[in-house]
Amino acid sequence: MTSIDYFEKWGREPIERIFKKYDGGVLHINANGRHLTDAVSTIEGLKAPMKSTGAWEKCVNTVLKIH
């Protein structure tokens, strides 16, 4: 799990660089990362952000809206 500030400082640029090289990509966010959904949905090249419930709940995958 990471904070939004940490994601913006260390996570966004490498993800966008990889997505640019491979013409986009898909990310999976576990339930403990749900606070990142707004930030992740704005990643350049993101094709389908997915979120799932926690390990102790019935597993449900959701495709999130890209902003």
N, C-alpha and C. Protein backbone atom coordinates (compact mmCIF):
# COMPACT_ATOMS: atom_id res chain seq x y z
N MET A 1 0.85 -1.17 0.00
CA MET A 1 0.00 0.00 0.00
C MET A 1 0.89 1.23 0.00
N THR A 2 0.48 2.24 -0.69
CA THR A 2 1.23 3.48 -0.78
C THR A 2 0.28 4.67 -0.65
N SER A 3 0.85 5.80 -0.31
CA SER A 3 0.03 7.01 -0.23
C SER A 3 -0.10 7.62 -1.63
N ILE A 4 -1.05 8.51 -1.80
CA ILE A 4 -1.23 9.18 -3.07
C ILE A 4 0.01 10.01 -3.39
N ASP A 5 0.56 10.71 -2.39
CA ASP A 5 1.77 11.51 -2.62
C ASP A 5 2.94 10.64 -3.06
N TYR A 6 3.13 9.50 -2.43
CA TYR A 6 4.22 8.59 -2.80
C TYR A 6 4.00 8.06 -4.22
N PHE A 7 2.77 7.71 -4.56
CA PHE A 7 2.47 7.26 -5.91
C PHE A 7 2.82 8.33 -6.93
N GLU A 8 2.41 9.57 -6.66
CA GLU A 8 2.68 10.66 -7.60
C GLU A 8 4.19 10.91 -7.74
N LYS A 9 4.92 10.78 -6.65
CA LYS A 9 6.36 11.05 -6.69
C LYS A 9 7.14 9.91 -7.34
N TRP A 10 6.80 8.66 -7.03
CA TRP A 10 7.61 7.52 -7.45
C TRP A 10 6.93 6.54 -8.40
N GLY A 11 5.61 6.55 -8.49
CA GLY A 11 4.92 5.53 -9.27
C GLY A 11 4.43 5.96 -10.64
N ARG A 12 3.90 7.17 -10.74
CA ARG A 12 3.27 7.60 -11.99
C ARG A 12 4.24 7.59 -13.18
N GLU A 13 5.39 8.21 -13.04
CA GLU A 13 6.30 8.34 -14.18
C GLU A 13 6.75 7.00 -14.74
N PRO A 14 7.20 6.03 -13.92
CA PRO A 14 7.59 4.74 -14.50
C PRO A 14 6.44 4.00 -15.18
N ILE A 15 5.25 4.09 -14.60
CA ILE A 15 4.09 3.43 -15.20
C ILE A 15 3.78 4.06 -16.56
N GLU A 16 3.75 5.39 -16.61
CA GLU A 16 3.45 6.06 -17.87
C GLU A 16 4.53 5.79 -18.91
N ARG A 17 5.78 5.69 -18.50
CA ARG A 17 6.87 5.38 -19.43
C ARG A 17 6.69 3.97 -20.01
N ILE A 18 6.36 3.00 -19.17
CA ILE A 18 6.14 1.63 -19.64
C ILE A 18 4.92 1.57 -20.55
N PHE A 19 3.84 2.23 -20.17
CA PHE A 19 2.63 2.23 -21.00
C PHE A 19 2.90 2.87 -22.35
N LYS A 20 3.71 3.92 -22.38
CA LYS A 20 4.05 4.58 -23.64
C LYS A 20 4.82 3.63 -24.55
N LYS A 21 5.75 2.89 -23.98
CA LYS A 21 6.56 1.96 -24.77
C LYS A 21 5.71 0.84 -25.36
N TYR A 22 4.72 0.37 -24.61
CA TYR A 22 3.91 -0.78 -25.02
C TYR A 22 2.49 -0.38 -25.45
N ASP A 23 2.27 0.87 -25.80
CA ASP A 23 0.97 1.33 -26.28
C ASP A 23 -0.14 1.11 -25.27
N GLY A 24 0.14 1.39 -24.02
CA GLY A 24 -0.88 1.33 -22.98
C GLY A 24 -0.78 0.08 -22.14
N GLY A 25 -1.69 -0.02 -21.18
CA GLY A 25 -1.68 -1.17 -20.29
C GLY A 25 -2.85 -1.16 -19.34
N VAL A 26 -2.90 -2.19 -18.50
CA VAL A 26 -3.95 -2.39 -17.52
C VAL A 26 -3.31 -2.46 -16.14
N LEU A 27 -3.94 -1.86 -15.15
CA LEU A 27 -3.46 -1.93 -13.77
C LEU A 27 -4.51 -2.60 -12.90
N HIS A 28 -4.03 -3.31 -11.89
CA HIS A 28 -4.91 -3.93 -10.91
C HIS A 28 -4.64 -3.27 -9.56
N ILE A 29 -5.69 -2.89 -8.88
CA ILE A 29 -5.58 -2.29 -7.55
C ILE A 29 -6.30 -3.19 -6.56
N ASN A 30 -5.60 -3.64 -5.53
CA ASN A 30 -6.24 -4.42 -4.47
C ASN A 30 -7.07 -3.50 -3.59
N ALA A 31 -7.91 -4.08 -2.78
CA ALA A 31 -8.82 -3.31 -1.93
C ALA A 31 -8.08 -2.32 -1.04
N ASN A 32 -6.88 -2.66 -0.57
CA ASN A 32 -6.18 -1.72 0.31
C ASN A 32 -5.57 -0.55 -0.45
N GLY A 33 -5.72 -0.53 -1.75
CA GLY A 33 -5.24 0.59 -2.57
C GLY A 33 -6.37 1.42 -3.17
N ARG A 34 -7.57 1.20 -2.68
CA ARG A 34 -8.73 1.88 -3.29
C ARG A 34 -8.64 3.40 -3.18
N HIS A 35 -7.85 3.92 -2.24
CA HIS A 35 -7.68 5.37 -2.12
C HIS A 35 -6.91 5.94 -3.32
N LEU A 36 -6.29 5.08 -4.12
CA LEU A 36 -5.52 5.51 -5.30
C LEU A 36 -6.34 5.54 -6.58
N THR A 37 -7.60 5.14 -6.54
CA THR A 37 -8.36 4.99 -7.78
C THR A 37 -8.47 6.28 -8.59
N ASP A 38 -8.68 7.41 -7.96
CA ASP A 38 -8.77 8.67 -8.71
C ASP A 38 -7.44 9.02 -9.37
N ALA A 39 -6.35 8.86 -8.65
CA ALA A 39 -5.03 9.17 -9.21
C ALA A 39 -4.67 8.20 -10.34
N VAL A 40 -4.91 6.92 -10.12
CA VAL A 40 -4.58 5.91 -11.12
C VAL A 40 -5.42 6.09 -12.38
N SER A 41 -6.66 6.51 -12.25
CA SER A 41 -7.53 6.65 -13.41
C SER A 41 -7.08 7.75 -14.37
N THR A 42 -6.12 8.57 -13.97
CA THR A 42 -5.61 9.64 -14.83
C THR A 42 -4.25 9.30 -15.46
N ILE A 43 -3.78 8.08 -15.30
CA ILE A 43 -2.49 7.68 -15.87
C ILE A 43 -2.58 7.67 -17.39
N GLU A 44 -1.63 8.33 -18.03
CA GLU A 44 -1.55 8.35 -19.49
C GLU A 44 -1.33 6.94 -20.02
N GLY A 45 -2.17 6.52 -20.96
CA GLY A 45 -2.03 5.21 -21.57
C GLY A 45 -2.78 4.09 -20.88
N LEU A 46 -3.47 4.41 -19.81
CA LEU A 46 -4.21 3.40 -19.08
C LEU A 46 -5.41 2.94 -19.90
N LYS A 47 -5.50 1.65 -20.15
CA LYS A 47 -6.60 1.10 -20.95
C LYS A 47 -7.75 0.62 -20.08
N ALA A 48 -7.44 -0.03 -18.96
CA ALA A 48 -8.49 -0.58 -18.11
C ALA A 48 -8.00 -0.74 -16.69
N PRO A 49 -8.24 0.24 -15.83
CA PRO A 49 -7.90 0.05 -14.42
C PRO A 49 -8.88 -0.90 -13.78
N MET A 50 -8.38 -1.83 -13.00
CA MET A 50 -9.27 -2.79 -12.34
C MET A 50 -9.04 -2.75 -10.84
N LYS A 51 -10.10 -2.93 -10.10
CA LYS A 51 -10.06 -2.95 -8.64
C LYS A 51 -10.73 -4.22 -8.18
N SER A 52 -10.20 -4.82 -7.12
CA SER A 52 -10.87 -5.99 -6.55
C SER A 52 -11.13 -5.78 -5.08
N THR A 53 -12.05 -6.54 -4.55
CA THR A 53 -12.35 -6.48 -3.13
C THR A 53 -11.20 -7.13 -2.36
N GLY A 54 -11.26 -7.06 -1.07
CA GLY A 54 -10.22 -7.65 -0.23
C GLY A 54 -10.23 -9.17 -0.27
N ALA A 55 -9.17 -9.75 0.24
CA ALA A 55 -8.99 -11.20 0.20
C ALA A 55 -10.06 -11.95 0.98
N TRP A 56 -10.63 -11.30 2.00
CA TRP A 56 -11.60 -11.99 2.85
C TRP A 56 -13.03 -11.82 2.36
N GLU A 57 -13.21 -11.06 1.31
CA GLU A 57 -14.54 -10.86 0.74
C GLU A 57 -14.67 -11.70 -0.53
N LYS A 58 -15.87 -11.86 -1.00
CA LYS A 58 -16.07 -12.50 -2.29
C LYS A 58 -15.32 -11.67 -3.33
N CYS A 59 -14.47 -12.30 -4.11
CA CYS A 59 -13.64 -11.57 -5.08
C CYS A 59 -14.52 -10.98 -6.18
N VAL A 60 -14.47 -9.67 -6.28
CA VAL A 60 -15.22 -8.98 -7.31
C VAL A 60 -14.27 -8.03 -8.02
N ASN A 61 -14.10 -8.19 -9.31
CA ASN A 61 -13.28 -7.27 -10.09
C ASN A 61 -14.17 -6.25 -10.75
N THR A 62 -13.73 -5.00 -10.74
CA THR A 62 -14.49 -3.91 -11.30
C THR A 62 -13.60 -3.12 -12.23
N VAL A 63 -14.06 -2.84 -13.43
CA VAL A 63 -13.33 -1.95 -14.33
C VAL A 63 -13.75 -0.54 -13.98
N LEU A 64 -12.77 0.30 -13.70
CA LEU A 64 -13.04 1.66 -13.27
C LEU A 64 -13.05 2.62 -14.45
N LYS A 65 -13.70 3.74 -14.28
CA LYS A 65 -13.77 4.77 -15.31
C LYS A 65 -12.41 5.47 -15.44
N ILE A 66 -11.96 5.65 -16.67
CA ILE A 66 -10.73 6.39 -16.93
C ILE A 66 -11.09 7.85 -17.10
N HIS A 67 -10.40 8.73 -16.37
CA HIS A 67 -10.67 10.17 -16.44
C HIS A 67 -9.91 10.80 -17.58
